[in-house]
PDB file of N, CA and C in Angstrom:
ATOM      1  N   MET A   1      -1.941 -34.400  19.249  1.00  0.00           N
ATOM      2  CA  MET A   1      -1.187 -33.435  20.019  1.00  0.00           C
ATOM      3  C   MET A   1       0.251 -33.335  19.490  1.00  0.00           C
ATOM      4  N   ARG A   2       0.816 -34.450  19.115  1.00  0.00           N
ATOM      5  CA  ARG A   2       2.184 -34.456  18.606  1.00  0.00           C
ATOM      6  C   ARG A   2       2.270 -33.711  17.270  1.00  0.00           C
ATOM      7  N   ALA A   3       1.241 -33.861  16.437  1.00  0.00           N
ATOM      8  CA  ALA A   3       1.223 -33.170  15.148  1.00  0.00           C
ATOM      9  C   ALA A   3       1.198 -31.659  15.361  1.00  0.00           C
ATOM     10  N   LEU A   4       0.445 -31.203  16.343  1.00  0.00           N
ATOM     11  CA  LEU A   4       0.383 -29.775  16.654  1.00  0.00           C
ATOM     12  C   LEU A   4       1.750 -29.268  17.109  1.00  0.00           C
ATOM     13  N   THR A   5       2.473 -30.072  17.859  1.00  0.00           N
ATOM     14  CA  THR A   5       3.802 -29.704  18.333  1.00  0.00           C
ATOM     15  C   THR A   5       4.782 -29.550  17.171  1.00  0.00           C
ATOM     16  N   LEU A   6       4.577 -30.283  16.105  1.00  0.00           N
ATOM     17  CA  LEU A   6       5.454 -30.180  14.948  1.00  0.00           C
ATOM     18  C   LEU A   6       5.018 -29.094  13.982  1.00  0.00           C
ATOM     19  N   VAL A   7       3.725 -28.888  13.842  1.00  0.00           N
ATOM     20  CA  VAL A   7       3.205 -27.943  12.860  1.00  0.00           C
ATOM     21  C   VAL A   7       3.307 -26.503  13.353  1.00  0.00           C
ATOM     22  N   LEU A   8       3.050 -26.261  14.618  1.00  0.00           N
ATOM     23  CA  LEU A   8       3.050 -24.899  15.148  1.00  0.00           C
ATOM     24  C   LEU A   8       4.397 -24.188  14.969  1.00  0.00           C
ATOM     25  N   PRO A   9       5.531 -24.779  15.309  1.00  0.00           N
ATOM     26  CA  PRO A   9       6.807 -24.084  15.064  1.00  0.00           C
ATOM     27  C   PRO A   9       7.065 -23.818  13.577  1.00  0.00           C
ATOM     28  N   ALA A  10       6.632 -24.732  12.723  1.00  0.00           N
ATOM     29  CA  ALA A  10       6.817 -24.523  11.289  1.00  0.00           C
ATOM     30  C   ALA A  10       6.007 -23.316  10.812  1.00  0.00           C
ATOM     31  N   LEU A  11       4.798 -23.173  11.297  1.00  0.00           N
ATOM     32  CA  LEU A  11       3.972 -22.020  10.927  1.00  0.00           C
ATOM     33  C   LEU A  11       4.555 -20.715  11.456  1.00  0.00           C
ATOM     34  N   LEU A  12       5.098 -20.748  12.651  1.00  0.00           N
ATOM     35  CA  LEU A  12       5.724 -19.546  13.207  1.00  0.00           C
ATOM     36  C   LEU A  12       6.947 -19.134  12.394  1.00  0.00           C
ATOM     37  N   MET A  13       7.748 -20.083  11.978  1.00  0.00           N
ATOM     38  CA  MET A  13       8.924 -19.768  11.164  1.00  0.00           C
ATOM     39  C   MET A  13       8.511 -19.204   9.805  1.00  0.00           C
ATOM     40  N   LEU A  14       7.466 -19.744   9.235  1.00  0.00           N
ATOM     41  CA  LEU A  14       6.961 -19.240   7.957  1.00  0.00           C
ATOM     42  C   LEU A  14       6.482 -17.804   8.108  1.00  0.00           C
ATOM     43  N   GLY A  15       5.806 -17.515   9.206  1.00  0.00           N
ATOM     44  CA  GLY A  15       5.339 -16.156   9.458  1.00  0.00           C
ATOM     45  C   GLY A  15       6.482 -15.169   9.624  1.00  0.00           C
ATOM     46  N   LEU A  16       7.542 -15.586  10.284  1.00  0.00           N
ATOM     47  CA  LEU A  16       8.695 -14.704  10.449  1.00  0.00           C
ATOM     48  C   LEU A  16       9.424 -14.482   9.132  1.00  0.00           C
ATOM     49  N   ALA A  17       9.473 -15.474   8.295  1.00  0.00           N
ATOM     50  CA  ALA A  17      10.139 -15.324   7.002  1.00  0.00           C
ATOM     51  C   ALA A  17       9.389 -14.352   6.116  1.00  0.00           C
ATOM     52  N   ALA A  18       8.093 -14.268   6.271  1.00  0.00           N
ATOM     53  CA  ALA A  18       7.295 -13.367   5.445  1.00  0.00           C
ATOM     54  C   ALA A  18       7.487 -11.911   5.844  1.00  0.00           C
ATOM     55  N   CYS A  19       8.022 -11.632   6.988  1.00  0.00           N
ATOM     56  CA  CYS A  19       8.164 -10.260   7.472  1.00  0.00           C
ATOM     57  C   CYS A  19       9.373  -9.539   6.879  1.00  0.00           C
ATOM     58  N   GLN A  20      10.219 -10.213   6.152  1.00  0.00           N
ATOM     59  CA  GLN A  20      11.438  -9.578   5.686  1.00  0.00           C
ATOM     60  C   GLN A  20      11.248  -8.767   4.409  1.00  0.00           C
ATOM     61  N   ARG A  21      10.209  -9.010   3.673  1.00  0.00           N
ATOM     62  CA  ARG A  21       9.986  -8.264   2.430  1.00  0.00           C
ATOM     63  C   ARG A  21       9.446  -6.880   2.765  1.00  0.00           C
ATOM     64  N   GLU A  22       9.972  -5.883   2.102  1.00  0.00           N
ATOM     65  CA  GLU A  22       9.614  -4.506   2.377  1.00  0.00           C
ATOM     66  C   GLU A  22       8.668  -4.003   1.284  1.00  0.00           C
ATOM     67  N   GLY A  23       7.584  -3.388   1.676  1.00  0.00           N
ATOM     68  CA  GLY A  23       6.600  -2.900   0.726  1.00  0.00           C
ATOM     69  C   GLY A  23       6.818  -1.445   0.372  1.00  0.00           C
ATOM     70  N   PRO A  24       6.050  -0.938  -0.596  1.00  0.00           N
ATOM     71  CA  PRO A  24       6.212   0.455  -1.028  1.00  0.00           C
ATOM     72  C   PRO A  24       5.860   1.459   0.067  1.00  0.00           C
ATOM     73  N   ALA A  25       4.905   1.145   0.919  1.00  0.00           N
ATOM     74  CA  ALA A  25       4.546   2.074   1.991  1.00  0.00           C
ATOM     75  C   ALA A  25       5.689   2.202   3.003  1.00  0.00           C
ATOM     76  N   GLU A  26       6.358   1.100   3.271  1.00  0.00           N
ATOM     77  CA  GLU A  26       7.485   1.149   4.203  1.00  0.00           C
ATOM     78  C   GLU A  26       8.641   1.963   3.623  1.00  0.00           C
ATOM     79  N   ARG A  27       8.902   1.791   2.339  1.00  0.00           N
ATOM     80  CA  ARG A  27       9.958   2.590   1.689  1.00  0.00           C
ATOM     81  C   ARG A  27       9.594   4.071   1.691  1.00  0.00           C
ATOM     82  N   ALA A  28       8.340   4.395   1.407  1.00  0.00           N
ATOM     83  CA  ALA A  28       7.906   5.795   1.410  1.00  0.00           C
ATOM     84  C   ALA A  28       8.039   6.380   2.810  1.00  0.00           C
ATOM     85  N   GLY A  29       7.690   5.609   3.824  1.00  0.00           N
ATOM     86  CA  GLY A  29       7.829   6.087   5.197  1.00  0.00           C
ATOM     87  C   GLY A  29       9.273   6.354   5.572  1.00  0.00           C
ATOM     88  N   ARG A  30      10.174   5.475   5.126  1.00  0.00           N
ATOM     89  CA  ARG A  30      11.593   5.689   5.413  1.00  0.00           C
ATOM     90  C   ARG A  30      12.087   6.949   4.711  1.00  0.00           C
ATOM     91  N   ASN A  31      11.641   7.181   3.479  1.00  0.00           N
ATOM     92  CA  ASN A  31      12.045   8.390   2.759  1.00  0.00           C
ATOM     93  C   ASN A  31      11.527   9.642   3.452  1.00  0.00           C
ATOM     94  N   LEU A  32      10.298   9.588   3.981  1.00  0.00           N
ATOM     95  CA  LEU A  32       9.770  10.729   4.730  1.00  0.00           C
ATOM     96  C   LEU A  32      10.577  10.972   6.000  1.00  0.00           C
ATOM     97  N   ASP A  33      10.976   9.912   6.666  1.00  0.00           N
ATOM     98  CA  ASP A  33      11.804  10.057   7.865  1.00  0.00           C
ATOM     99  C   ASP A  33      13.132  10.724   7.546  1.00  0.00           C
ATOM    100  N   LYS A  34      13.747  10.300   6.450  1.00  0.00           N
ATOM    101  CA  LYS A  34      15.023  10.902   6.053  1.00  0.00           C
ATOM    102  C   LYS A  34      14.849  12.373   5.710  1.00  0.00           C
ATOM    103  N   ALA A  35      13.749  12.705   5.028  1.00  0.00           N
ATOM    104  CA  ALA A  35      13.488  14.111   4.687  1.00  0.00           C
ATOM    105  C   ALA A  35      13.277  14.928   5.952  1.00  0.00           C
ATOM    106  N   GLY A  36      12.562  14.381   6.915  1.00  0.00           N
ATOM    107  CA  GLY A  36      12.356  15.076   8.182  1.00  0.00           C
ATOM    108  C   GLY A  36      13.657  15.306   8.921  1.00  0.00           C
ATOM    109  N   GLN A  37      14.548  14.333   8.890  1.00  0.00           N
ATOM    110  CA  GLN A  37      15.846  14.489   9.544  1.00  0.00           C
ATOM    111  C   GLN A  37      16.668  15.570   8.857  1.00  0.00           C
ATOM    112  N   SER A  38      16.588  15.628   7.540  1.00  0.00           N
ATOM    113  CA  SER A  38      17.332  16.658   6.809  1.00  0.00           C
ATOM    114  C   SER A  38      16.811  18.047   7.150  1.00  0.00           C
ATOM    115  N   VAL A  39      15.491  18.182   7.245  1.00  0.00           N
ATOM    116  CA  VAL A  39      14.902  19.474   7.614  1.00  0.00           C
ATOM    117  C   VAL A  39      15.322  19.844   9.029  1.00  0.00           C
ATOM    118  N   ARG A  40      15.301  18.866   9.931  1.00  0.00           N
ATOM    119  CA  ARG A  40      15.708  19.136  11.314  1.00  0.00           C
ATOM    120  C   ARG A  40      17.159  19.606  11.367  1.00  0.00           C
ATOM    121  N   ASP A  41      18.030  18.973  10.580  1.00  0.00           N
ATOM    122  CA  ASP A  41      19.432  19.381  10.568  1.00  0.00           C
ATOM    123  C   ASP A  41      19.605  20.776   9.970  1.00  0.00           C
ATOM    124  N   ALA A  42      18.756  21.148   9.014  1.00  0.00           N
ATOM    125  CA  ALA A  42      18.849  22.483   8.413  1.00  0.00           C
ATOM    126  C   ALA A  42      18.344  23.549   9.377  1.00  0.00           C
ATOM    127  N   VAL A  43      17.260  23.259  10.089  1.00  0.00           N
ATOM    128  CA  VAL A  43      16.668  24.236  11.001  1.00  0.00           C
ATOM    129  C   VAL A  43      17.456  24.305  12.308  1.00  0.00           C
ATOM    130  N   ASP A  44      17.852  23.157  12.833  1.00  0.00           N
ATOM    131  CA  ASP A  44      18.564  23.087  14.107  1.00  0.00           C
ATOM    132  C   ASP A  44      19.811  22.232  13.923  1.00  0.00           C
ATOM    133  N   PRO A  45      20.866  22.808  13.342  1.00  0.00           N
ATOM    134  CA  PRO A  45      22.063  22.007  13.081  1.00  0.00           C
ATOM    135  C   PRO A  45      22.725  21.544  14.373  1.00  0.00           C
ATOM    136  N   PRO A  46      23.415  20.403  14.302  1.00  0.00           N
ATOM    137  CA  PRO A  46      24.133  19.942  15.492  1.00  0.00           C
ATOM    138  C   PRO A  46      25.178  20.966  15.910  1.00  0.00           C
ATOM    139  N   LYS A  47      25.283  21.195  17.208  1.00  0.00           N
ATOM    140  CA  LYS A  47      26.134  22.273  17.695  1.00  0.00           C
ATOM    141  C   LYS A  47      27.587  21.878  17.883  1.00  0.00           C
ATOM    142  N   GLY A  48      27.884  20.612  17.916  1.00  0.00           N
ATOM    143  CA  GLY A  48      29.262  20.206  18.117  1.00  0.00           C
ATOM    144  C   GLY A  48      29.500  18.804  17.595  1.00  0.00           C
ATOM    145  N   PRO A  49      30.726  18.351  17.668  1.00  0.00           N
ATOM    146  CA  PRO A  49      31.053  17.031  17.122  1.00  0.00           C
ATOM    147  C   PRO A  49      30.355  15.887  17.854  1.00  0.00           C
ATOM    148  N   VAL A  50      30.133  16.041  19.148  1.00  0.00           N
ATOM    149  CA  VAL A  50      29.478  14.974  19.898  1.00  0.00           C
ATOM    150  C   VAL A  50      28.006  14.872  19.496  1.00  0.00           C
ATOM    151  N   GLU A  51      27.360  16.017  19.315  1.00  0.00           N
ATOM    152  CA  GLU A  51      25.956  15.997  18.898  1.00  0.00           C
ATOM    153  C   GLU A  51      25.822  15.440  17.479  1.00  0.00           C
ATOM    154  N   ARG A  52      26.754  15.788  16.596  1.00  0.00           N
ATOM    155  CA  ARG A  52      26.736  15.219  15.233  1.00  0.00           C
ATOM    156  C   ARG A  52      26.905  13.712  15.282  1.00  0.00           C
ATOM    157  N   LEU A  53      27.815  13.255  16.134  1.00  0.00           N
ATOM    158  CA  LEU A  53      28.036  11.819  16.291  1.00  0.00           C
ATOM    159  C   LEU A  53      26.784  11.139  16.833  1.00  0.00           C
ATOM    160  N   GLY A  54      26.127  11.770  17.808  1.00  0.00           N
ATOM    161  CA  GLY A  54      24.908  11.219  18.376  1.00  0.00           C
ATOM    162  C   GLY A  54      23.807  11.081  17.350  1.00  0.00           C
ATOM    163  N   ARG A  55      23.660  12.092  16.501  1.00  0.00           N
ATOM    164  CA  ARG A  55      22.631  12.014  15.459  1.00  0.00           C
ATOM    165  C   ARG A  55      22.949  10.947  14.436  1.00  0.00           C
ATOM    166  N   SER A  56      24.218  10.795  14.098  1.00  0.00           N
ATOM    167  CA  SER A  56      24.569   9.748  13.128  1.00  0.00           C
ATOM    168  C   SER A  56      24.351   8.358  13.727  1.00  0.00           C
ATOM    169  N   VAL A  57      24.596   8.213  15.021  1.00  0.00           N
ATOM    170  CA  VAL A  57      24.335   6.929  15.695  1.00  0.00           C
ATOM    171  C   VAL A  57      22.830   6.675  15.714  1.00  0.00           C
ATOM    172  N   ASP A  58      22.046   7.701  15.992  1.00  0.00           N
ATOM    173  CA  ASP A  58      20.586   7.540  15.969  1.00  0.00           C
ATOM    174  C   ASP A  58      20.104   7.073  14.602  1.00  0.00           C
ATOM    175  N   ARG A  59      20.650   7.651  13.555  1.00  0.00           N
ATOM    176  CA  ARG A  59      20.235   7.252  12.202  1.00  0.00           C
ATOM    177  C   ARG A  59      20.653   5.820  11.887  1.00  0.00           C
ATOM    178  N   ALA A  60      21.809   5.422  12.363  1.00  0.00           N
ATOM    179  CA  ALA A  60      22.282   4.066  12.088  1.00  0.00           C
ATOM    180  C   ALA A  60      21.463   3.028  12.846  1.00  0.00           C
ATOM    181  N   VAL A  61      21.048   3.369  14.053  1.00  0.00           N
ATOM    182  CA  VAL A  61      20.299   2.423  14.875  1.00  0.00           C
ATOM    183  C   VAL A  61      18.840   2.370  14.442  1.00  0.00           C
ATOM    184  N   ASN A  62      18.276   3.496  14.115  1.00  0.00           N
ATOM    185  CA  ASN A  62      16.849   3.538  13.746  1.00  0.00           C
ATOM    186  C   ASN A  62      16.706   3.401  12.310  1.00  0.00           C
TER     187      ASN A  62
END
């Protein structure tokens, strides 16, 4: 039981460390998101400075 208590947290930390590498599909998805945002800005531009600020905050957070 004690061995399980020591091994389980180590395995969880190893699993979390593996999540930081970004694959090609994730990069492609991010590029598609950016392209979609650019199209949205071209079709429906922000109407004022507050809306522009809101969209830039959305991009920074997401």
